[in-house]
Protein backbone atom coordinates (compact mmCIF):
# COMPACT_ATOMS: atom_id res chain seq x y z
CA MET A 1 -0.04 -0.14 0.06
CA SER A 2 1.17 3.44 -0.81
CA GLU A 3 1.90 5.71 2.28
CA ARG A 4 -0.89 7.99 3.17
CA LYS A 5 -0.31 11.90 3.13
CA PRO A 6 -0.38 13.88 6.25
CA ILE A 7 -3.99 14.66 8.01
CA GLU A 8 -4.90 18.06 7.29
CA SER A 9 -8.50 17.71 7.93
CA TRP A 10 -10.70 15.69 10.41
CA LEU A 11 -14.13 14.36 10.60
CA SER A 12 -15.46 12.93 14.06
CA ASP A 13 -18.65 10.89 14.81
CA MET A 14 -20.28 12.40 17.90
CA ASP A 15 -21.81 9.82 20.22
CA GLY A 16 -19.46 7.24 21.25
CA VAL A 17 -16.40 9.34 20.08
CA LEU A 18 -16.78 12.82 21.90
CA VAL A 19 -19.59 11.75 24.24
CA HIS A 20 -20.93 8.97 25.71
CA GLU A 21 -24.42 8.76 27.25
CA GLY A 22 -24.30 12.75 27.72
CA GLN A 23 -20.91 12.59 29.29
CA PRO A 24 -17.66 13.98 27.49
CA VAL A 25 -15.20 11.08 26.73
CA PRO A 26 -12.10 11.67 28.48
CA GLY A 27 -9.85 13.91 26.43
CA ALA A 28 -12.35 14.89 24.10
CA ASP A 29 -12.27 18.56 25.27
CA GLU A 30 -8.32 18.58 24.64
CA PHE A 31 -8.86 17.12 21.42
CA ILE A 32 -11.53 19.63 20.34
CA ARG A 33 -9.33 22.46 21.72
CA ARG A 34 -6.54 21.18 19.77
CA LEU A 35 -8.28 21.18 16.61
CA LYS A 36 -9.59 24.56 17.05
CA GLU A 37 -5.76 26.05 17.91
CA SER A 38 -4.41 24.12 14.92
CA GLY A 39 -6.47 25.82 12.48
CA LYS A 40 -7.30 22.58 10.64
CA ARG A 41 -10.41 21.94 9.05
CA PHE A 42 -12.70 19.60 11.04
CA LEU A 43 -16.47 18.52 11.21
CA VAL A 44 -18.39 16.71 13.91
CA LEU A 45 -20.76 14.32 12.22
CA THR A 46 -23.99 12.62 13.56
CA ASN A 47 -26.62 10.54 11.90
CA ASN A 48 -29.21 12.07 14.16
CA SER A 49 -31.63 14.60 12.20
CA ILE A 50 -33.48 15.57 15.27
CA TYR A 51 -31.30 18.69 15.97
CA THR A 52 -29.90 21.66 14.25
CA PRO A 53 -26.15 22.42 14.46
CA ARG A 54 -27.01 25.25 17.01
CA ASP A 55 -28.94 22.77 19.21
CA LEU A 56 -26.32 20.23 18.92
CA SER A 57 -23.57 23.00 19.88
CA VAL A 58 -25.49 24.02 22.99
CA ARG A 59 -25.94 20.21 24.13
CA LEU A 60 -22.04 19.68 23.57
CA ARG A 61 -21.35 22.68 25.56
CA ALA A 62 -23.47 21.39 28.37
CA ALA A 63 -21.43 18.40 28.12
CA GLY A 64 -18.09 20.51 28.48
CA LEU A 65 -17.20 20.48 24.72
CA GLU A 66 -16.83 23.86 22.67
CA VAL A 67 -17.82 23.08 19.17
CA PRO A 68 -19.32 25.97 17.24
CA PRO A 69 -22.66 24.93 15.06
CA GLU A 70 -20.56 25.69 11.93
CA ALA A 71 -18.17 22.61 12.88
CA ILE A 72 -21.40 20.23 12.96
CA TRP A 73 -22.69 18.16 10.01
CA THR A 74 -25.88 16.31 10.31
CA SER A 75 -27.74 13.58 8.39
CA ALA A 76 -30.40 16.24 7.93
CA LEU A 77 -27.84 18.67 6.28
CA ALA A 78 -26.39 16.25 4.10
CA THR A 79 -29.97 15.19 3.14
CA ALA A 80 -30.97 18.88 2.31
CA LYS A 81 -27.83 19.11 0.43
CA PHE A 82 -28.55 16.07 -1.79
CA LEU A 83 -32.23 17.11 -2.33
CA ALA A 84 -31.02 20.63 -3.39
CA ASP A 85 -28.56 19.21 -5.90
CA GLN A 86 -30.89 16.67 -7.26
CA ARG A 87 -34.26 18.93 -7.83
CA PRO A 88 -33.47 22.45 -6.76
CA GLU A 89 -36.25 24.44 -5.01
CA GLY A 90 -38.27 21.32 -4.94
CA SER A 91 -40.93 20.22 -2.45
CA ALA A 92 -41.23 17.70 0.53
CA TYR A 93 -43.58 15.84 2.60
CA VAL A 94 -41.46 15.63 5.84
CA ILE A 95 -41.73 13.37 9.06
CA GLY A 96 -39.21 14.73 11.33
CA GLU A 97 -38.19 17.66 13.83
CA ALA A 98 -36.58 20.94 13.69
CA GLY A 99 -33.30 19.85 12.77
CA LEU A 100 -34.73 18.48 9.11
CA THR A 101 -37.49 20.89 8.27
CA THR A 102 -34.90 23.76 9.25
CA ALA A 103 -32.31 22.24 6.82
CA LEU A 104 -34.85 21.64 3.94
CA HIS A 105 -36.12 25.28 4.44
CA GLU A 106 -32.91 26.83 4.36
CA ALA A 107 -31.90 24.80 1.08
CA GLY A 108 -34.89 26.41 -0.38
CA TYR A 109 -37.51 23.49 -0.12
CA VAL A 110 -41.37 23.83 0.23
CA LEU A 111 -42.59 21.41 2.76
CA THR A 112 -46.22 20.13 1.89
CA ASP A 113 -48.36 17.14 1.63
CA LEU A 114 -50.06 18.37 -1.77
CA ASP A 115 -48.08 16.35 -4.67
CA PRO A 116 -44.65 16.56 -3.12
CA ASP A 117 -41.51 15.65 -5.15
CA TYR A 118 -40.30 13.71 -2.02
CA VAL A 119 -41.43 12.07 0.99
CA VAL A 120 -38.49 12.59 3.54
CA LEU A 121 -38.18 10.51 6.63
CA GLY A 122 -36.15 11.54 9.54
CA GLU A 123 -35.84 11.03 13.41
CA THR A 124 -38.56 12.08 15.58
CA ARG A 125 -39.30 11.37 19.33
CA THR A 126 -42.93 10.67 18.22
CA TYR A 127 -43.71 8.79 15.23
CA SER A 128 -47.24 9.65 14.06
CA PHE A 129 -49.30 6.69 12.44
CA THR A 130 -51.23 9.57 10.84
CA SER A 131 -48.28 11.26 9.37
CA ILE A 132 -46.70 7.43 8.22
CA THR A 133 -50.03 6.79 6.60
CA ARG A 134 -49.94 9.99 4.63
CA ALA A 135 -46.36 9.10 3.50
CA ILE A 136 -47.52 5.91 2.21
CA ARG A 137 -50.12 7.21 0.04
CA LEU A 138 -47.96 9.92 -1.23
CA ILE A 139 -45.25 7.44 -2.15
CA ASP A 140 -48.02 5.08 -3.74
CA ASN A 141 -48.94 8.14 -5.79
CA GLY A 142 -45.47 8.67 -7.05
CA ALA A 143 -43.51 10.71 -4.51
CA ARG A 144 -39.82 9.71 -4.39
CA PHE A 145 -38.92 8.18 -0.85
CA ILE A 146 -35.56 9.66 0.84
CA ALA A 147 -34.52 8.86 4.69
CA THR A 148 -31.82 10.57 6.43
CA ASN A 149 -30.49 7.45 7.81
CA PRO A 150 -30.84 3.60 8.38
CA ASP A 151 -30.32 3.43 12.02
CA PRO A 152 -33.10 1.10 13.15
CA VAL A 153 -33.23 2.02 16.80
CA GLY A 154 -32.01 4.95 18.91
CA PRO A 155 -31.12 5.20 22.71
CA SER A 156 -33.29 6.38 25.39
CA ASN A 157 -33.37 6.16 29.12
CA GLU A 158 -35.96 3.41 29.31
CA GLY A 159 -34.05 1.40 26.60
CA SER A 160 -34.15 1.47 22.56
CA LEU A 161 -36.57 3.24 20.72
CA PRO A 162 -37.68 2.56 17.00
CA ALA A 163 -35.69 5.09 14.85
CA CYS A 164 -35.78 6.00 11.02
CA GLY A 165 -34.40 2.94 9.64
CA ALA A 166 -37.05 0.69 11.38
CA VAL A 167 -40.17 3.11 10.40
CA ALA A 168 -38.62 3.25 6.86
CA ALA A 169 -38.75 -0.62 6.52
CA MET A 170 -42.47 -0.42 7.70
CA ILE A 171 -43.10 2.15 5.05
CA THR A 172 -41.20 -0.09 2.42
CA LYS A 173 -43.26 -3.01 3.37
CA ALA A 174 -46.42 -1.14 2.69
CA THR A 175 -45.25 0.49 -0.49
CA GLY A 176 -43.02 -1.80 -1.91
CA VAL A 177 -40.65 1.21 -2.36
CA GLU A 178 -37.06 1.44 -0.91
CA PRO A 179 -35.73 4.69 0.43
CA TYR A 180 -32.55 6.33 -0.53
CA PHE A 181 -30.67 6.70 2.78
CA VAL A 182 -28.25 9.56 2.77
CA GLY A 183 -26.54 9.28 6.30
CA LYS A 184 -23.99 6.82 7.40
CA PRO A 185 -22.88 4.37 6.13
CA ASN A 186 -23.63 5.97 2.81
CA PRO A 187 -20.27 7.52 1.67
CA MET A 188 -22.44 10.43 0.43
CA MET A 189 -22.53 11.82 4.07
CA MET A 190 -18.75 11.79 3.98
CA ARG A 191 -18.25 13.47 0.61
CA SER A 192 -21.00 16.08 1.33
CA ALA A 193 -19.06 16.84 4.78
CA LEU A 194 -15.58 16.99 2.73
CA ASN A 195 -17.11 19.63 0.32
CA GLN A 196 -18.53 21.40 3.25
CA ILE A 197 -14.82 22.23 4.49
CA ASP A 198 -13.19 22.02 1.25
CA ALA A 199 -11.17 18.97 2.23
CA HIS A 200 -9.66 16.32 0.31
CA SER A 201 -10.01 12.44 0.99
CA GLU A 202 -6.46 11.63 0.70
CA THR A 203 -5.34 14.02 3.66
CA THR A 204 -8.71 13.57 5.86
CA ALA A 205 -9.08 11.31 8.68
CA MET A 206 -12.43 9.94 10.02
CA ILE A 207 -12.87 8.95 13.70
CA GLY A 208 -15.72 6.44 14.47
CA ASP A 209 -16.86 4.09 17.03
CA ARG A 210 -18.61 1.73 14.66
CA MET A 211 -17.30 -0.54 12.36
CA ASP A 212 -20.67 -0.95 10.36
CA THR A 213 -21.26 2.76 9.74
CA ASP A 214 -18.01 5.09 10.69
CA VAL A 215 -15.53 3.03 9.37
CA VAL A 216 -17.00 1.41 6.39
CA CYS A 217 -18.39 4.80 4.97
CA GLY A 218 -14.96 6.41 5.77
CA ILE A 219 -13.14 3.62 3.86
CA GLU A 220 -15.65 4.04 0.78
CA ALA A 221 -14.94 7.56 0.63
CA GLY A 222 -11.23 6.95 0.87
CA LEU A 223 -10.49 8.51 4.17
CA HIS A 224 -7.85 7.58 6.62
CA THR A 225 -10.15 5.70 9.09
CA ILE A 226 -9.73 5.77 12.83
CA LEU A 227 -11.62 3.44 15.13
CA VAL A 228 -12.02 4.44 18.85
CA LEU A 229 -13.09 1.81 21.60
CA THR A 230 -15.41 4.05 23.53
CA GLY A 231 -18.35 3.25 21.98
CA VAL A 232 -20.16 0.61 20.21
CA THR A 233 -17.29 -1.61 18.54
CA GLN A 234 -14.89 -3.42 20.98
CA LYS A 235 -11.61 -4.63 19.93
CA ASP A 236 -12.45 -8.28 19.95
CA GLN A 237 -15.17 -7.71 17.16
CA ILE A 238 -12.89 -5.94 14.49
CA ASP A 239 -11.86 -9.35 13.08
CA ARG A 240 -15.48 -10.38 12.32
CA TYR A 241 -15.60 -7.59 9.65
CA PRO A 242 -14.34 -8.03 6.12
CA PHE A 243 -12.51 -4.60 6.41
CA ARG A 244 -10.35 -3.14 8.67
CA PRO A 245 -9.87 0.71 10.01
CA THR A 246 -6.37 2.36 9.29
CA GLN A 247 -5.88 2.79 12.78
CA VAL A 248 -7.32 1.60 16.31
CA VAL A 249 -7.08 3.64 19.49
CA ASN A 250 -8.62 3.68 23.01
CA SER A 251 -9.99 7.04 22.90
CA VAL A 252 -9.54 10.49 21.21
CA ALA A 253 -7.20 11.19 24.04
CA ASP A 254 -4.65 9.00 21.95
CA LEU A 255 -4.86 11.47 18.87
CA ILE A 256 -4.47 14.61 20.47
CA ASP A 257 -0.71 14.62 19.57
CA LEU A 258 -1.76 13.91 15.90
CA VAL A 259 -3.45 17.20 15.32
């Protein structure tokens, strides 16, 4: 293999990398501080489409991490960018919350249930049977089906909650139409993030805690991939996958000196 170029830009997953169950991962604050002081371009990525970057910035600050809104890239923003490129000033029926509706509005989209170009499914704390039924009928009538991310479940204090991927599967079962998922592990998410900060894949690293989303997505986008062991994937699980990260470290604390 040819030697990789020095890392000039950084992409990092949020949950399991910088925070874990609402608490900062040890070393994450210093890692973010070093990134900002270095002047290197970076983005914090999340498949969660519920929150706007401003919302997430405030939530991270509450956990002790100072990440500006412009350094946060969500599956909602990637979805809005994708739709604006595909069909500028289009229309969509949206199941989701402020993170998704705000992103689509800012991309020039009209949100409507009257013959929309797309049905866009995102995350929400309260999926409505009425809205899901409306989405099914709109797709039956020809609307294209887009989903922000394929995650089947999300965490809560009481246990797992059905997430975008699970609801998308229900709509697919009813319509026979598969959605196009924009978020990880689609490398589209990575490429849109690279474009956002004008970075090049050959000189960008992706830090993640999941082999099946962060790492495979980074590999397919041509990035230097770093798996941290503070989240979902544990060290003894790595060899189960047919691909490997470029690097495995215990946590982001081990990456501070690389910035």
